[in-house]
Amino acid sequence: MSRNRFMVTYDIVKDRRRAKVHRTLLDHGDHVQYSVFVCDLNEREFILMRWKIRDQINQAEDQVLFVDLGPAERAVVERIESLGVPYRAPERIHIV
């Protein structure tokens, strides 16, 4: 199953809800800025992540944006341009 890279950003009013969404996103991707994550997900993982987050937010007050950056095969640094401090992709360590 192919994987796509998503940038997920959120604006959540209440601290408790924000913390829940933050923890959910930590399970699915890399924290790259205060309210921004990059997640490499297949279709099933993306759907499950969205369902979890939908249940954690207040639909009338909060906003979560999902930006599909395309196939995950390309390096993140090839897709993200920064001004100021250069963007450095988080290092993933696989523990077996």
PDB file of N, CA and C in Angstrom:
ATOM      1  N   MET A   1       0.850  -1.181   0.000  1.00  0.00           N
ATOM      2  CA  MET A   1       0.000   0.000   0.000  1.00  0.00           C
ATOM      3  C   MET A   1       0.895   1.244   0.000  1.00  0.00           C
ATOM      4  N   SER A   2       0.649   2.150  -0.899  1.00  0.00           N
ATOM      5  CA  SER A   2       1.491   3.349  -1.015  1.00  0.00           C
ATOM      6  C   SER A   2       1.230   4.317   0.135  1.00  0.00           C
ATOM      7  N   ARG A   3       2.236   5.122   0.408  1.00  0.00           N
ATOM      8  CA  ARG A   3       2.152   6.101   1.493  1.00  0.00           C
ATOM      9  C   ARG A   3       2.258   7.501   0.902  1.00  0.00           C
ATOM     10  N   ASN A   4       1.484   8.400   1.456  1.00  0.00           N
ATOM     11  CA  ASN A   4       1.576   9.806   1.099  1.00  0.00           C
ATOM     12  C   ASN A   4       2.071  10.576   2.307  1.00  0.00           C
ATOM     13  N   ARG A   5       2.690  11.695   2.020  1.00  0.00           N
ATOM     14  CA  ARG A   5       3.172  12.578   3.079  1.00  0.00           C
ATOM     15  C   ARG A   5       2.135  13.676   3.277  1.00  0.00           C
ATOM     16  N   PHE A   6       1.768  13.896   4.527  1.00  0.00           N
ATOM     17  CA  PHE A   6       0.799  14.920   4.874  1.00  0.00           C
ATOM     18  C   PHE A   6       1.423  15.898   5.848  1.00  0.00           C
ATOM     19  N   MET A   7       1.130  17.179   5.635  1.00  0.00           N
ATOM     20  CA  MET A   7       1.444  18.172   6.636  1.00  0.00           C
ATOM     21  C   MET A   7       0.136  18.405   7.390  1.00  0.00           C
ATOM     22  N   VAL A   8       0.201  18.291   8.705  1.00  0.00           N
ATOM     23  CA  VAL A   8      -0.981  18.474   9.538  1.00  0.00           C
ATOM     24  C   VAL A   8      -0.696  19.635  10.472  1.00  0.00           C
ATOM     25  N   THR A   9      -1.595  20.587  10.477  1.00  0.00           N
ATOM     26  CA  THR A   9      -1.444  21.754  11.342  1.00  0.00           C
ATOM     27  C   THR A   9      -2.761  21.993  12.066  1.00  0.00           C
ATOM     28  N   TYR A  10      -2.676  22.514  13.266  1.00  0.00           N
ATOM     29  CA  TYR A  10      -3.902  22.666  14.050  1.00  0.00           C
ATOM     30  C   TYR A  10      -3.932  23.984  14.803  1.00  0.00           C
ATOM     31  N   ASP A  11      -5.153  24.441  15.054  1.00  0.00           N
ATOM     32  CA  ASP A  11      -5.433  25.618  15.870  1.00  0.00           C
ATOM     33  C   ASP A  11      -6.573  25.196  16.793  1.00  0.00           C
ATOM     34  N   ILE A  12      -6.226  24.850  18.023  1.00  0.00           N
ATOM     35  CA  ILE A  12      -7.197  24.285  18.958  1.00  0.00           C
ATOM     36  C   ILE A  12      -7.273  25.183  20.187  1.00  0.00           C
ATOM     37  N   VAL A  13      -8.490  25.562  20.537  1.00  0.00           N
ATOM     38  CA  VAL A  13      -8.732  26.568  21.564  1.00  0.00           C
ATOM     39  C   VAL A  13      -8.334  26.103  22.966  1.00  0.00           C
ATOM     40  N   LYS A  14      -8.779  24.945  23.388  1.00  0.00           N
ATOM     41  CA  LYS A  14      -8.571  24.478  24.771  1.00  0.00           C
ATOM     42  C   LYS A  14      -7.303  23.628  24.895  1.00  0.00           C
ATOM     43  N   ASP A  15      -6.548  23.886  25.957  1.00  0.00           N
ATOM     44  CA  ASP A  15      -5.287  23.181  26.185  1.00  0.00           C
ATOM     45  C   ASP A  15      -5.451  21.669  26.244  1.00  0.00           C
ATOM     46  N   ARG A  16      -6.484  21.204  26.917  1.00  0.00           N
ATOM     47  CA  ARG A  16      -6.685  19.755  27.070  1.00  0.00           C
ATOM     48  C   ARG A  16      -6.908  19.069  25.717  1.00  0.00           C
ATOM     49  N   ARG A  17      -7.758  19.669  24.877  1.00  0.00           N
ATOM     50  CA  ARG A  17      -7.997  19.102  23.545  1.00  0.00           C
ATOM     51  C   ARG A  17      -6.735  19.186  22.699  1.00  0.00           C
ATOM     52  N   ARG A  18      -6.018  20.316  22.802  1.00  0.00           N
ATOM     53  CA  ARG A  18      -4.781  20.496  22.045  1.00  0.00           C
ATOM     54  C   ARG A  18      -3.763  19.423  22.421  1.00  0.00           C
ATOM     55  N   ALA A  19      -3.653  19.107  23.692  1.00  0.00           N
ATOM     56  CA  ALA A  19      -2.708  18.088  24.150  1.00  0.00           C
ATOM     57  C   ALA A  19      -3.085  16.706  23.606  1.00  0.00           C
ATOM     58  N   LYS A  20      -4.372  16.394  23.570  1.00  0.00           N
ATOM     59  CA  LYS A  20      -4.814  15.098  23.029  1.00  0.00           C
ATOM     60  C   LYS A  20      -4.457  14.974  21.547  1.00  0.00           C
ATOM     61  N   VAL A  21      -4.728  16.024  20.789  1.00  0.00           N
ATOM     62  CA  VAL A  21      -4.418  15.998  19.359  1.00  0.00           C
ATOM     63  C   VAL A  21      -2.909  15.909  19.163  1.00  0.00           C
ATOM     64  N   HIS A  22      -2.163  16.636  19.948  1.00  0.00           N
ATOM     65  CA  HIS A  22      -0.697  16.601  19.858  1.00  0.00           C
ATOM     66  C   HIS A  22      -0.189  15.170  20.082  1.00  0.00           C
ATOM     67  N   ARG A  23      -0.689  14.489  21.115  1.00  0.00           N
ATOM     68  CA  ARG A  23      -0.271  13.109  21.396  1.00  0.00           C
ATOM     69  C   ARG A  23      -0.656  12.169  20.259  1.00  0.00           C
ATOM     70  N   THR A  24      -1.848  12.354  19.703  1.00  0.00           N
ATOM     71  CA  THR A  24      -2.279  11.522  18.576  1.00  0.00           C
ATOM     72  C   THR A  24      -1.340  11.706  17.392  1.00  0.00           C
ATOM     73  N   LEU A  25      -0.997  12.946  17.091  1.00  0.00           N
ATOM     74  CA  LEU A  25      -0.110  13.210  15.956  1.00  0.00           C
ATOM     75  C   LEU A  25       1.305  12.696  16.207  1.00  0.00           C
ATOM     76  N   LEU A  26       1.773  12.712  17.449  1.00  0.00           N
ATOM     77  CA  LEU A  26       3.086  12.139  17.764  1.00  0.00           C
ATOM     78  C   LEU A  26       3.124  10.650  17.430  1.00  0.00           C
ATOM     79  N   ASP A  27       1.982   9.983  17.547  1.00  0.00           N
ATOM     80  CA  ASP A  27       1.890   8.552  17.211  1.00  0.00           C
ATOM     81  C   ASP A  27       1.949   8.304  15.712  1.00  0.00           C
ATOM     82  N   HIS A  28       1.718   9.354  14.908  1.00  0.00           N
ATOM     83  CA  HIS A  28       1.598   9.177  13.458  1.00  0.00           C
ATOM     84  C   HIS A  28       2.648   9.899  12.625  1.00  0.00           C
ATOM     85  N   GLY A  29       3.426  10.796  13.247  1.00  0.00           N
ATOM     86  CA  GLY A  29       4.352  11.564  12.424  1.00  0.00           C
ATOM     87  C   GLY A  29       5.394  12.295  13.238  1.00  0.00           C
ATOM     88  N   ASP A  30       6.040  13.245  12.593  1.00  0.00           N
ATOM     89  CA  ASP A  30       7.119  14.025  13.191  1.00  0.00           C
ATOM     90  C   ASP A  30       6.655  15.442  13.490  1.00  0.00           C
ATOM     91  N   HIS A  31       6.945  15.894  14.696  1.00  0.00           N
ATOM     92  CA  HIS A  31       6.627  17.247  15.130  1.00  0.00           C
ATOM     93  C   HIS A  31       7.688  18.177  14.553  1.00  0.00           C
ATOM     94  N   VAL A  32       7.312  19.068  13.634  1.00  0.00           N
ATOM     95  CA  VAL A  32       8.302  19.916  12.964  1.00  0.00           C
ATOM     96  C   VAL A  32       8.259  21.379  13.401  1.00  0.00           C
ATOM     97  N   GLN A  33       7.113  21.833  13.890  1.00  0.00           N
ATOM     98  CA  GLN A  33       6.982  23.168  14.465  1.00  0.00           C
ATOM     99  C   GLN A  33       5.873  23.112  15.495  1.00  0.00           C
ATOM    100  N   TYR A  34       5.648  24.215  16.190  1.00  0.00           N
ATOM    101  CA  TYR A  34       4.704  24.254  17.312  1.00  0.00           C
ATOM    102  C   TYR A  34       3.413  23.478  17.054  1.00  0.00           C
ATOM    103  N   SER A  35       2.685  23.790  16.019  1.00  0.00           N
ATOM    104  CA  SER A  35       1.413  23.129  15.710  1.00  0.00           C
ATOM    105  C   SER A  35       1.458  22.434  14.366  1.00  0.00           C
ATOM    106  N   VAL A  36       2.616  21.973  13.955  1.00  0.00           N
ATOM    107  CA  VAL A  36       2.772  21.394  12.624  1.00  0.00           C
ATOM    108  C   VAL A  36       3.465  20.035  12.722  1.00  0.00           C
ATOM    109  N   PHE A  37       2.889  19.060  12.025  1.00  0.00           N
ATOM    110  CA  PHE A  37       3.450  17.711  11.952  1.00  0.00           C
ATOM    111  C   PHE A  37       3.574  17.307  10.494  1.00  0.00           C
ATOM    112  N   VAL A  38       4.522  16.417  10.218  1.00  0.00           N
ATOM    113  CA  VAL A  38       4.629  15.778   8.910  1.00  0.00           C
ATOM    114  C   VAL A  38       4.442  14.285   9.155  1.00  0.00           C
ATOM    115  N   CYS A  39       3.484  13.691   8.437  1.00  0.00           N
ATOM    116  CA  CYS A  39       3.119  12.293   8.643  1.00  0.00           C
ATOM    117  C   CYS A  39       3.143  11.541   7.313  1.00  0.00           C
ATOM    118  N   ASP A  40       3.820  10.404   7.289  1.00  0.00           N
ATOM    119  CA  ASP A  40       3.815   9.512   6.127  1.00  0.00           C
ATOM    120  C   ASP A  40       2.816   8.394   6.419  1.00  0.00           C
ATOM    121  N   LEU A  41       1.712   8.389   5.680  1.00  0.00           N
ATOM    122  CA  LEU A  41       0.607   7.490   6.006  1.00  0.00           C
ATOM    123  C   LEU A  41       0.047   6.812   4.770  1.00  0.00           C
ATOM    124  N   ASN A  42      -0.389   5.569   4.934  1.00  0.00           N
ATOM    125  CA  ASN A  42      -1.177   4.953   3.870  1.00  0.00           C
ATOM    126  C   ASN A  42      -2.628   5.388   4.065  1.00  0.00           C
ATOM    127  N   GLU A  43      -3.491   5.018   3.152  1.00  0.00           N
ATOM    128  CA  GLU A  43      -4.878   5.496   3.193  1.00  0.00           C
ATOM    129  C   GLU A  43      -5.586   5.102   4.490  1.00  0.00           C
ATOM    130  N   ARG A  44      -5.382   3.871   4.915  1.00  0.00           N
ATOM    131  CA  ARG A  44      -6.036   3.380   6.145  1.00  0.00           C
ATOM    132  C   ARG A  44      -5.558   4.165   7.360  1.00  0.00           C
ATOM    133  N   GLU A  45      -4.244   4.378   7.477  1.00  0.00           N
ATOM    134  CA  GLU A  45      -3.688   5.128   8.603  1.00  0.00           C
ATOM    135  C   GLU A  45      -4.204   6.563   8.625  1.00  0.00           C
ATOM    136  N   PHE A  46      -4.312   7.162   7.439  1.00  0.00           N
ATOM    137  CA  PHE A  46      -4.808   8.538   7.352  1.00  0.00           C
ATOM    138  C   PHE A  46      -6.253   8.624   7.828  1.00  0.00           C
ATOM    139  N   ILE A  47      -7.072   7.687   7.389  1.00  0.00           N
ATOM    140  CA  ILE A  47      -8.484   7.678   7.797  1.00  0.00           C
ATOM    141  C   ILE A  47      -8.609   7.492   9.308  1.00  0.00           C
ATOM    142  N   LEU A  48      -7.865   6.545   9.868  1.00  0.00           N
ATOM    143  CA  LEU A  48      -7.920   6.293  11.309  1.00  0.00           C
ATOM    144  C   LEU A  48      -7.446   7.504  12.113  1.00  0.00           C
ATOM    145  N   MET A  49      -6.372   8.147  11.657  1.00  0.00           N
ATOM    146  CA  MET A  49      -5.872   9.324  12.345  1.00  0.00           C
ATOM    147  C   MET A  49      -6.910  10.443  12.334  1.00  0.00           C
ATOM    148  N   ARG A  50      -7.544  10.663  11.174  1.00  0.00           N
ATOM    149  CA  ARG A  50      -8.584  11.702  11.081  1.00  0.00           C
ATOM    150  C   ARG A  50      -9.754  11.403  11.999  1.00  0.00           C
ATOM    151  N   TRP A  51     -10.185  10.146  12.082  1.00  0.00           N
ATOM    152  CA  TRP A  51     -11.290   9.771  12.975  1.00  0.00           C
ATOM    153  C   TRP A  51     -10.942  10.056  14.426  1.00  0.00           C
ATOM    154  N   LYS A  52      -9.730   9.697  14.841  1.00  0.00           N
ATOM    155  CA  LYS A  52      -9.311   9.957  16.221  1.00  0.00           C
ATOM    156  C   LYS A  52      -9.348  11.450  16.518  1.00  0.00           C
ATOM    157  N   ILE A  53      -8.766  12.228  15.615  1.00  0.00           N
ATOM    158  CA  ILE A  53      -8.696  13.670  15.834  1.00  0.00           C
ATOM    159  C   ILE A  53     -10.093  14.285  15.819  1.00  0.00           C
ATOM    160  N   ARG A  54     -10.942  13.818  14.918  1.00  0.00           N
ATOM    161  CA  ARG A  54     -12.304  14.355  14.852  1.00  0.00           C
ATOM    162  C   ARG A  54     -13.031  14.193  16.191  1.00  0.00           C
ATOM    163  N   ASP A  55     -12.773  13.080  16.858  1.00  0.00           N
ATOM    164  CA  ASP A  55     -13.407  12.837  18.157  1.00  0.00           C
ATOM    165  C   ASP A  55     -12.775  13.648  19.281  1.00  0.00           C
ATOM    166  N   GLN A  56     -11.604  14.205  19.067  1.00  0.00           N
ATOM    167  CA  GLN A  56     -10.887  14.943  20.109  1.00  0.00           C
ATOM    168  C   GLN A  56     -11.111  16.449  20.059  1.00  0.00           C
ATOM    169  N   ILE A  57     -11.631  16.952  18.961  1.00  0.00           N
ATOM    170  CA  ILE A  57     -11.761  18.406  18.822  1.00  0.00           C
ATOM    171  C   ILE A  57     -13.211  18.852  18.964  1.00  0.00           C
ATOM    172  N   ASN A  58     -13.388  20.132  19.151  1.00  0.00           N
ATOM    173  CA  ASN A  58     -14.711  20.750  19.126  1.00  0.00           C
ATOM    174  C   ASN A  58     -14.888  21.306  17.718  1.00  0.00           C
ATOM    175  N   GLN A  59     -15.819  20.743  16.987  1.00  0.00           N
ATOM    176  CA  GLN A  59     -16.018  21.104  15.580  1.00  0.00           C
ATOM    177  C   GLN A  59     -16.350  22.594  15.389  1.00  0.00           C
ATOM    178  N   ALA A  60     -16.930  23.231  16.393  1.00  0.00           N
ATOM    179  CA  ALA A  60     -17.325  24.631  16.263  1.00  0.00           C
ATOM    180  C   ALA A  60     -16.202  25.603  16.626  1.00  0.00           C
ATOM    181  N   GLU A  61     -15.175  25.135  17.363  1.00  0.00           N
ATOM    182  CA  GLU A  61     -14.130  26.040  17.847  1.00  0.00           C
ATOM    183  C   GLU A  61     -12.742  25.771  17.267  1.00  0.00           C
ATOM    184  N   ASP A  62     -12.459  24.533  16.923  1.00  0.00           N
ATOM    185  CA  ASP A  62     -11.102  24.126  16.556  1.00  0.00           C
ATOM    186  C   ASP A  62     -10.978  23.889  15.056  1.00  0.00           C
ATOM    187  N   GLN A  63      -9.734  23.897  14.589  1.00  0.00           N
ATOM    188  CA  GLN A  63      -9.468  23.609  13.176  1.00  0.00           C
ATOM    189  C   GLN A  63      -8.198  22.779  13.058  1.00  0.00           C
ATOM    190  N   VAL A  64      -8.282  21.721  12.241  1.00  0.00           N
ATOM    191  CA  VAL A  64      -7.123  20.902  11.903  1.00  0.00           C
ATOM    192  C   VAL A  64      -7.064  20.841  10.388  1.00  0.00           C
ATOM    193  N   LEU A  65      -5.901  21.167   9.814  1.00  0.00           N
ATOM    194  CA  LEU A  65      -5.735  21.140   8.366  1.00  0.00           C
ATOM    195  C   LEU A  65      -4.831  19.988   7.984  1.00  0.00           C
ATOM    196  N   PHE A  66      -5.210  19.266   6.923  1.00  0.00           N
ATOM    197  CA  PHE A  66      -4.425  18.170   6.377  1.00  0.00           C
ATOM    198  C   PHE A  66      -4.024  18.556   4.956  1.00  0.00           C
ATOM    199  N   VAL A  67      -2.739  18.677   4.709  1.00  0.00           N
ATOM    200  CA  VAL A  67      -2.244  19.051   3.390  1.00  0.00           C
ATOM    201  C   VAL A  67      -1.504  17.855   2.802  1.00  0.00           C
ATOM    202  N   ASP A  68      -2.020  17.310   1.699  1.00  0.00           N
ATOM    203  CA  ASP A  68      -1.409  16.157   1.046  1.00  0.00           C
ATOM    204  C   ASP A  68      -0.234  16.646   0.211  1.00  0.00           C
ATOM    205  N   LEU A  69       0.975  16.212   0.581  1.00  0.00           N
ATOM    206  CA  LEU A  69       2.190  16.618  -0.125  1.00  0.00           C
ATOM    207  C   LEU A  69       2.611  15.616  -1.185  1.00  0.00           C
ATOM    208  N   GLY A  70       1.800  14.574  -1.385  1.00  0.00           N
ATOM    209  CA  GLY A  70       2.101  13.599  -2.422  1.00  0.00           C
ATOM    210  C   GLY A  70       2.837  12.387  -1.888  1.00  0.00           C
ATOM    211  N   PRO A  71       3.368  11.575  -2.798  1.00  0.00           N
ATOM    212  CA  PRO A  71       4.044  10.327  -2.415  1.00  0.00           C
ATOM    213  C   PRO A  71       5.165  10.569  -1.402  1.00  0.00           C
ATOM    214  N   ALA A  72       5.264   9.673  -0.435  1.00  0.00           N
ATOM    215  CA  ALA A  72       6.216   9.825   0.667  1.00  0.00           C
ATOM    216  C   ALA A  72       7.651   9.489   0.287  1.00  0.00           C
ATOM    217  N   GLU A  73       7.877   8.999  -0.919  1.00  0.00           N
ATOM    218  CA  GLU A  73       9.219   8.576  -1.299  1.00  0.00           C
ATOM    219  C   GLU A  73      10.222   9.722  -1.354  1.00  0.00           C
ATOM    220  N   ARG A  74       9.765  10.898  -1.743  1.00  0.00           N
ATOM    221  CA  ARG A  74      10.677  12.044  -1.804  1.00  0.00           C
ATOM    222  C   ARG A  74      10.990  12.531  -0.395  1.00  0.00           C
ATOM    223  N   ALA A  75      12.198  12.978  -0.185  1.00  0.00           N
ATOM    224  CA  ALA A  75      12.600  13.478   1.128  1.00  0.00           C
ATOM    225  C   ALA A  75      11.817  14.745   1.479  1.00  0.00           C
ATOM    226  N   VAL A  76      11.523  14.889   2.760  1.00  0.00           N
ATOM    227  CA  VAL A  76      10.785  16.062   3.239  1.00  0.00           C
ATOM    228  C   VAL A  76      11.517  17.339   2.869  1.00  0.00           C
ATOM    229  N   VAL A  77      12.838  17.353   2.993  1.00  0.00           N
ATOM    230  CA  VAL A  77      13.594  18.580   2.730  1.00  0.00           C
ATOM    231  C   VAL A  77      13.484  19.015   1.276  1.00  0.00           C
ATOM    232  N   GLU A  78      13.108  18.112   0.374  1.00  0.00           N
ATOM    233  CA  GLU A  78      12.899  18.486  -1.024  1.00  0.00           C
ATOM    234  C   GLU A  78      11.575  19.213  -1.212  1.00  0.00           C
ATOM    235  N   ARG A  79      10.661  19.094  -0.285  1.00  0.00           N
ATOM    236  CA  ARG A  79       9.314  19.656  -0.425  1.00  0.00           C
ATOM    237  C   ARG A  79       9.069  20.897   0.421  1.00  0.00           C
ATOM    238  N   ILE A  80       9.871  21.109   1.432  1.00  0.00           N
ATOM    239  CA  ILE A  80       9.624  22.210   2.361  1.00  0.00           C
ATOM    240  C   ILE A  80      10.703  23.268   2.171  1.00  0.00           C
ATOM    241  N   GLU A  81      10.263  24.449   1.867  1.00  0.00           N
ATOM    242  CA  GLU A  81      11.178  25.582   1.721  1.00  0.00           C
ATOM    243  C   GLU A  81      11.003  26.456   2.948  1.00  0.00           C
ATOM    244  N   SER A  82      12.092  26.948   3.509  1.00  0.00           N
ATOM    245  CA  SER A  82      11.985  27.767   4.710  1.00  0.00           C
ATOM    246  C   SER A  82      12.663  29.109   4.507  1.00  0.00           C
ATOM    247  N   LEU A  83      12.218  30.081   5.266  1.00  0.00           N
ATOM    248  CA  LEU A  83      12.871  31.383   5.367  1.00  0.00           C
ATOM    249  C   LEU A  83      13.433  31.470   6.770  1.00  0.00           C
ATOM    250  N   GLY A  84      14.561  32.120   6.935  1.00  0.00           N
ATOM    251  CA  GLY A  84      15.164  32.196   8.267  1.00  0.00           C
ATOM    252  C   GLY A  84      15.948  30.929   8.552  1.00  0.00           C
ATOM    253  N   VAL A  85      15.731  30.359   9.712  1.00  0.00           N
ATOM    254  CA  VAL A  85      16.448  29.152  10.129  1.00  0.00           C
ATOM    255  C   VAL A  85      16.123  28.016   9.156  1.00  0.00           C
ATOM    256  N   PRO A  86      17.138  27.337   8.635  1.00  0.00           N
ATOM    257  CA  PRO A  86      16.887  26.255   7.679  1.00  0.00           C
ATOM    258  C   PRO A  86      16.075  25.122   8.304  1.00  0.00           C
ATOM    259  N   TYR A  87      15.214  24.518   7.521  1.00  0.00           N
ATOM    260  CA  TYR A  87      14.440  23.367   7.973  1.00  0.00           C
ATOM    261  C   TYR A  87      15.329  22.139   7.977  1.00  0.00           C
ATOM    262  N   ARG A  88      15.293  21.389   9.030  1.00  0.00           N
ATOM    263  CA  ARG A  88      16.009  20.126   9.127  1.00  0.00           C
ATOM    264  C   ARG A  88      14.997  19.050   9.492  1.00  0.00           C
ATOM    265  N   ALA A  89      14.908  18.036   8.655  1.00  0.00           N
ATOM    266  CA  ALA A  89      13.974  16.938   8.907  1.00  0.00           C
ATOM    267  C   ALA A  89      14.390  16.199  10.169  1.00  0.00           C
ATOM    268  N   PRO A  90      13.414  15.826  11.013  1.00  0.00           N
ATOM    269  CA  PRO A  90      13.754  15.055  12.208  1.00  0.00           C
ATOM    270  C   PRO A  90      14.358  13.720  11.832  1.00  0.00           C
ATOM    271  N   GLU A  91      15.316  13.270  12.623  1.00  0.00           N
ATOM    272  CA  GLU A  91      15.913  11.964  12.378  1.00  0.00           C
ATOM    273  C   GLU A  91      15.036  10.896  13.009  1.00  0.00           C
ATOM    274  N   ARG A  92      14.754   9.862  12.231  1.00  0.00           N
ATOM    275  CA  ARG A  92      13.969   8.740  12.747  1.00  0.00           C
ATOM    276  C   ARG A  92      14.923   7.649  13.149  1.00  0.00           C
ATOM    277  N   ILE A  93      14.761   7.162  14.345  1.00  0.00           N
ATOM    278  CA  ILE A  93      15.575   6.066  14.843  1.00  0.00           C
ATOM    279  C   ILE A  93      14.657   4.859  14.989  1.00  0.00           C
ATOM    280  N   HIS A  94      15.040   3.768  14.364  1.00  0.00           N
ATOM    281  CA  HIS A  94      14.256   2.542  14.448  1.00  0.00           C
ATOM    282  C   HIS A  94      14.898   1.605  15.458  1.00  0.00           C
ATOM    283  N   ILE A  95      14.156   1.309  16.494  1.00  0.00           N
ATOM    284  CA  ILE A  95      14.634   0.415  17.534  1.00  0.00           C
ATOM    285  C   ILE A  95      13.975  -0.938  17.337  1.00  0.00           C
ATOM    286  N   VAL A  96      14.815  -1.966  17.277  1.00  0.00           N
ATOM    287  CA  VAL A  96      14.291  -3.325  17.053  1.00  0.00           C
ATOM    288  C   VAL A  96      14.499  -4.157  18.282  1.00  0.00           C
TER     289      VAL A  96
END
